[in-house]
Amino acid sequence: MDKWKLCNITNAEGRSGGIAEALVGADMCVALSKNGPDVIKKEWVSKMAKDAIVFACANPIPEMWPWDAKEAGAAIVATGRSDFPTRLTTAWASPGIFRGALDVRARTITDEMCIAAAVEMAKLAEENGLSDEYIMPTMDEVDVFPREAAAVAMKAIEQGVARFTNVSFEQEYQTAKADHFPRPRTGAGCHGNRLHPHARSSTAPKPTEQAVKASINEAGRVRPTRFNIIGFTN
């Protein structure tokens, strides 16, 4: 959708100005614009509504550091980074959406099918217990993918875009779940579908604020350090 058209149909109050003016009293800020930090200022976030939500999703450097958003009053903060709490990425949605669509041979992928996947993802997060640093499942919670696939398949059938219609939610869920790891993984440190007990964990350590800031040079670019290789991989 054209960005200017989107601005006009979502600006019911008729606000004018820039980011600072747009955020005054806002409940939520979703940014997927340019590498930061300080593209979004702390003082702007401080003027948002109480318990505001900030999604700063630019990679590898979010529009503002999550701790700055928290200090400014945001209740929930998410980024696109795997080394910060609450990571947002299409990797949570794509496998389940495509699996569900392909299994019922859908003629297209509709917005409603994508929304169905998002709703199923939210259900799993609610079942596991929501918090300010857990608003959606993690990549380790692989059950989210077959559940999304089943939700997408059912929505495709409901909307009449599926060629295969003789399948239930439970059937699609069980099929997708059984095929999620079709072959044992091989390679260093792996034994079947489990990490070898003596293998080192592949989870990146959580960086400190100082470590993150030290990895950025004066021009705002990422220095090629070991931390960056681990922390910024998508």
Protein backbone atom coordinates (compact mmCIF):
# COMPACT_ATOMS: atom_id res chain seq x y z
CA MET A 1 0.00 0.00 0.00
CA ASP A 2 1.18 3.52 -0.79
CA LYS A 3 2.65 5.03 2.40
CA TRP A 4 1.00 8.40 1.91
CA LYS A 5 -2.39 6.76 1.40
CA LEU A 6 -1.87 4.74 4.57
CA CYS A 7 -1.03 7.91 6.50
CA ASN A 8 -4.23 9.58 5.34
CA ILE A 9 -6.60 6.73 6.14
CA THR A 10 -5.13 6.19 9.61
CA ASN A 11 -4.83 9.84 10.72
CA ALA A 12 -8.32 10.37 12.11
CA GLU A 13 -7.19 13.29 14.28
CA GLY A 14 -5.62 15.09 11.33
CA ARG A 15 -2.25 15.49 13.02
CA SER A 16 0.61 17.20 11.22
CA GLY A 17 4.32 17.22 11.88
CA GLY A 18 6.87 14.48 12.38
CA ILE A 19 7.45 11.49 14.62
CA ALA A 20 7.48 13.58 17.78
CA GLU A 21 4.02 15.00 17.10
CA ALA A 22 2.63 11.63 16.01
CA LEU A 23 3.68 9.89 19.22
CA VAL A 24 2.07 12.32 21.66
CA GLY A 25 -0.54 10.31 23.56
CA ALA A 26 -0.11 7.29 21.28
CA ASP A 27 -0.60 3.82 22.74
CA MET A 28 1.79 2.11 20.36
CA CYS A 29 4.74 2.85 18.07
CA VAL A 30 5.69 0.39 15.33
CA ALA A 31 8.98 1.29 13.63
CA LEU A 32 10.56 -0.60 10.74
CA SER A 33 12.40 2.30 9.20
CA LYS A 34 16.13 2.90 9.58
CA ASN A 35 19.01 1.81 11.76
CA GLY A 36 19.41 3.69 15.01
CA PRO A 37 19.97 4.33 17.69
CA ASP A 38 18.14 7.57 18.48
CA VAL A 39 15.93 7.57 15.40
CA ILE A 40 13.17 7.55 18.01
CA LYS A 41 14.01 9.77 20.96
CA LYS A 42 13.41 8.99 24.63
CA GLU A 43 11.62 12.29 25.11
CA TRP A 44 9.15 11.32 22.37
CA VAL A 45 8.35 8.00 24.01
CA SER A 46 7.93 9.73 27.37
CA LYS A 47 5.01 11.68 25.88
CA MET A 48 3.18 8.56 24.72
CA ALA A 49 0.23 7.13 26.65
CA LYS A 50 0.77 5.35 29.95
CA ASP A 51 2.15 1.81 29.54
CA ALA A 52 2.89 2.38 25.87
CA ILE A 53 4.15 -0.31 23.49
CA VAL A 54 7.23 0.27 21.33
CA PHE A 55 8.30 -2.04 18.51
CA ALA A 56 11.69 -0.84 17.21
CA CYS A 57 12.41 -3.43 14.55
CA ALA A 58 15.20 -2.06 12.33
CA ASN A 59 18.21 -4.39 12.01
CA PRO A 60 20.94 -4.65 13.01
CA ILE A 61 20.45 -1.54 15.19
CA PRO A 62 16.90 -0.78 16.37
CA GLU A 63 15.52 2.74 16.07
CA MET A 64 16.13 3.09 19.80
CA TRP A 65 17.70 0.87 22.42
CA PRO A 66 15.10 -1.15 24.34
CA TRP A 67 16.41 0.03 27.70
CA ASP A 68 15.98 3.65 26.59
CA ALA A 69 12.36 2.95 25.65
CA LYS A 70 11.79 1.32 29.05
CA GLU A 71 13.37 4.23 30.88
CA ALA A 72 11.10 6.58 28.94
CA GLY A 73 8.03 4.78 30.23
CA ALA A 74 7.23 2.09 27.66
CA ALA A 75 5.71 -1.02 29.25
CA ILE A 76 6.42 -3.45 26.40
CA VAL A 77 9.38 -3.15 24.05
CA ALA A 78 10.31 -5.45 21.18
CA THR A 79 13.02 -5.41 18.53
CA GLY A 80 14.11 -7.54 15.60
CA ARG A 81 17.19 -8.69 17.46
CA SER A 82 17.63 -12.24 18.73
CA ASP A 83 19.86 -11.11 21.61
CA PHE A 84 17.20 -8.87 23.17
CA PRO A 85 14.02 -10.05 24.89
CA THR A 86 10.86 -10.13 22.77
CA ARG A 87 12.13 -10.54 19.25
CA LEU A 88 9.78 -9.87 16.33
CA THR A 89 10.50 -11.63 13.04
CA THR A 90 8.59 -13.17 10.14
CA ALA A 91 10.35 -16.46 10.94
CA TRP A 92 7.56 -17.13 13.46
CA ALA A 93 4.87 -16.88 10.80
CA SER A 94 6.22 -17.96 7.42
CA PRO A 95 6.68 -21.71 8.04
CA GLY A 96 3.20 -22.21 9.46
CA ILE A 97 1.45 -20.03 6.89
CA PHE A 98 3.10 -21.70 3.91
CA ARG A 99 2.65 -25.19 5.34
CA GLY A 100 -1.05 -24.71 5.95
CA ALA A 101 -1.62 -23.13 2.54
CA LEU A 102 0.31 -25.83 0.69
CA ASP A 103 -1.27 -28.74 2.54
CA VAL A 104 -4.78 -27.75 1.40
CA ARG A 105 -3.46 -26.56 -1.98
CA ALA A 106 -4.77 -23.04 -1.44
CA ARG A 107 -5.12 -20.96 -4.60
CA THR A 108 -3.85 -17.88 -2.76
CA ILE A 109 -2.84 -16.68 0.68
CA THR A 110 -5.36 -14.19 2.00
CA ASP A 111 -5.01 -11.58 4.71
CA GLU A 112 -7.46 -13.58 6.80
CA MET A 113 -5.25 -16.66 6.58
CA CYS A 114 -2.31 -14.65 7.90
CA ILE A 115 -4.46 -13.22 10.68
CA ALA A 116 -5.53 -16.75 11.62
CA ALA A 117 -1.86 -17.68 12.02
CA ALA A 118 -1.29 -14.61 14.22
CA VAL A 119 -4.29 -15.47 16.40
CA GLU A 120 -3.04 -19.03 16.91
CA MET A 121 0.40 -17.70 17.79
CA ALA A 122 -1.18 -15.38 20.36
CA LYS A 123 -3.18 -18.26 21.85
CA LEU A 124 0.00 -20.25 22.47
CA ALA A 125 1.67 -17.27 24.13
CA GLU A 126 -1.37 -16.76 26.37
CA GLU A 127 -1.37 -20.42 27.35
CA ASN A 128 2.30 -20.17 28.35
CA GLY A 129 1.76 -16.99 30.38
CA LEU A 130 2.20 -13.48 29.04
CA SER A 131 4.64 -10.97 30.52
CA ASP A 132 6.22 -7.71 29.45
CA GLU A 133 9.14 -9.71 28.00
CA TYR A 134 7.07 -12.59 26.61
CA ILE A 135 4.32 -11.52 24.23
CA MET A 136 4.77 -14.25 21.61
CA PRO A 137 6.29 -17.74 21.41
CA THR A 138 10.00 -18.21 20.95
CA MET A 139 11.69 -20.18 18.18
CA ASP A 140 12.22 -23.04 20.65
CA GLU A 141 8.47 -23.50 21.00
CA VAL A 142 8.11 -25.46 17.77
CA ASP A 143 4.46 -26.34 18.44
CA VAL A 144 3.55 -22.90 17.17
CA PHE A 145 4.28 -23.91 13.56
CA PRO A 146 1.87 -26.88 13.21
CA ARG A 147 -0.77 -24.93 15.12
CA GLU A 148 -0.42 -22.02 12.71
CA ALA A 149 -0.54 -24.42 9.76
CA ALA A 150 -3.81 -25.90 11.01
CA ALA A 151 -5.35 -22.48 11.59
CA VAL A 152 -4.31 -21.31 8.12
CA ALA A 153 -5.64 -24.47 6.48
CA MET A 154 -9.02 -24.10 8.21
CA LYS A 155 -9.31 -20.46 7.19
CA ALA A 156 -8.46 -21.34 3.57
CA ILE A 157 -11.21 -23.95 3.58
CA GLU A 158 -13.65 -21.50 5.17
CA GLN A 159 -12.90 -18.85 2.52
CA GLY A 160 -13.23 -21.28 -0.37
CA VAL A 161 -9.66 -20.94 -1.64
CA ALA A 162 -8.57 -24.49 -0.69
CA ARG A 163 -8.58 -27.34 -3.22
CA PHE A 164 -8.38 -29.99 -0.46
CA THR A 165 -11.22 -29.53 1.99
CA ASN A 166 -11.65 -32.91 3.69
CA VAL A 167 -9.36 -32.19 6.63
CA SER A 168 -9.93 -31.06 10.20
CA PHE A 169 -7.86 -28.77 12.42
CA GLU A 170 -6.60 -31.73 14.43
CA GLN A 171 -5.68 -33.73 11.32
CA GLU A 172 -3.69 -30.87 9.84
CA TYR A 173 -2.05 -30.15 13.18
CA GLN A 174 -0.93 -33.77 13.64
CA THR A 175 0.33 -34.04 10.05
CA ALA A 176 2.30 -30.80 10.24
CA LYS A 177 3.67 -31.69 13.66
CA ALA A 178 4.86 -35.13 12.51
CA ASP A 179 6.59 -33.63 9.48
CA HIS A 180 8.16 -30.64 11.25
CA PHE A 181 11.49 -32.50 11.59
CA PRO A 182 11.23 -35.04 8.75
CA ARG A 183 14.83 -36.24 9.02
CA PRO A 184 17.30 -36.48 11.89
CA ARG A 185 19.66 -33.54 11.85
CA THR A 186 23.30 -34.37 11.42
CA GLY A 187 26.48 -32.45 12.00
CA ALA A 188 28.83 -31.45 14.76
CA GLY A 189 27.27 -31.66 18.18
CA CYS A 190 24.00 -33.20 16.99
CA HIS A 191 22.46 -36.57 17.72
CA GLY A 192 19.19 -37.08 15.90
CA ASN A 193 16.95 -34.14 16.71
CA ARG A 194 18.75 -33.33 19.96
CA LEU A 195 21.96 -31.55 20.71
CA HIS A 196 24.69 -33.87 21.86
CA PRO A 197 25.02 -33.56 25.66
CA HIS A 198 28.62 -32.39 25.30
CA ALA A 199 27.87 -29.82 22.59
CA ARG A 200 28.00 -26.15 23.48
CA SER A 201 24.72 -24.27 23.42
CA SER A 202 23.96 -22.28 20.26
CA THR A 203 22.15 -19.58 22.24
CA ALA A 204 23.88 -16.22 22.07
CA PRO A 205 24.69 -14.66 25.45
CA LYS A 206 22.61 -11.64 26.38
CA PRO A 207 24.78 -8.56 25.76
CA THR A 208 25.16 -5.72 28.20
CA GLU A 209 24.31 -2.17 27.25
CA GLN A 210 28.03 -1.36 27.28
CA ALA A 211 28.84 -4.26 24.94
CA VAL A 212 26.19 -3.22 22.45
CA LYS A 213 27.22 0.43 22.45
CA ALA A 214 30.89 -0.51 22.14
CA SER A 215 30.11 -2.47 18.98
CA ILE A 216 28.96 0.70 17.18
CA ASN A 217 31.56 3.02 15.70
CA GLU A 218 31.23 6.78 15.40
CA ALA A 219 29.49 6.53 12.03
CA GLY A 220 26.81 4.30 13.52
CA ARG A 221 27.96 1.17 11.73
CA VAL A 222 28.46 -2.20 13.32
CA ARG A 223 32.03 -3.22 13.99
CA PRO A 224 32.91 -6.74 12.82
CA THR A 225 33.29 -8.31 16.24
CA ARG A 226 32.42 -11.80 17.42
CA PHE A 227 29.50 -10.37 19.36
CA ASN A 228 27.98 -8.86 16.24
CA ILE A 229 28.21 -12.11 14.34
CA ILE A 230 26.34 -13.93 17.09
CA GLY A 231 23.91 -11.24 18.13
CA PHE A 232 22.83 -9.79 14.80
CA THR A 233 22.22 -12.96 12.82
CA ASN A 234 18.64 -13.32 11.58
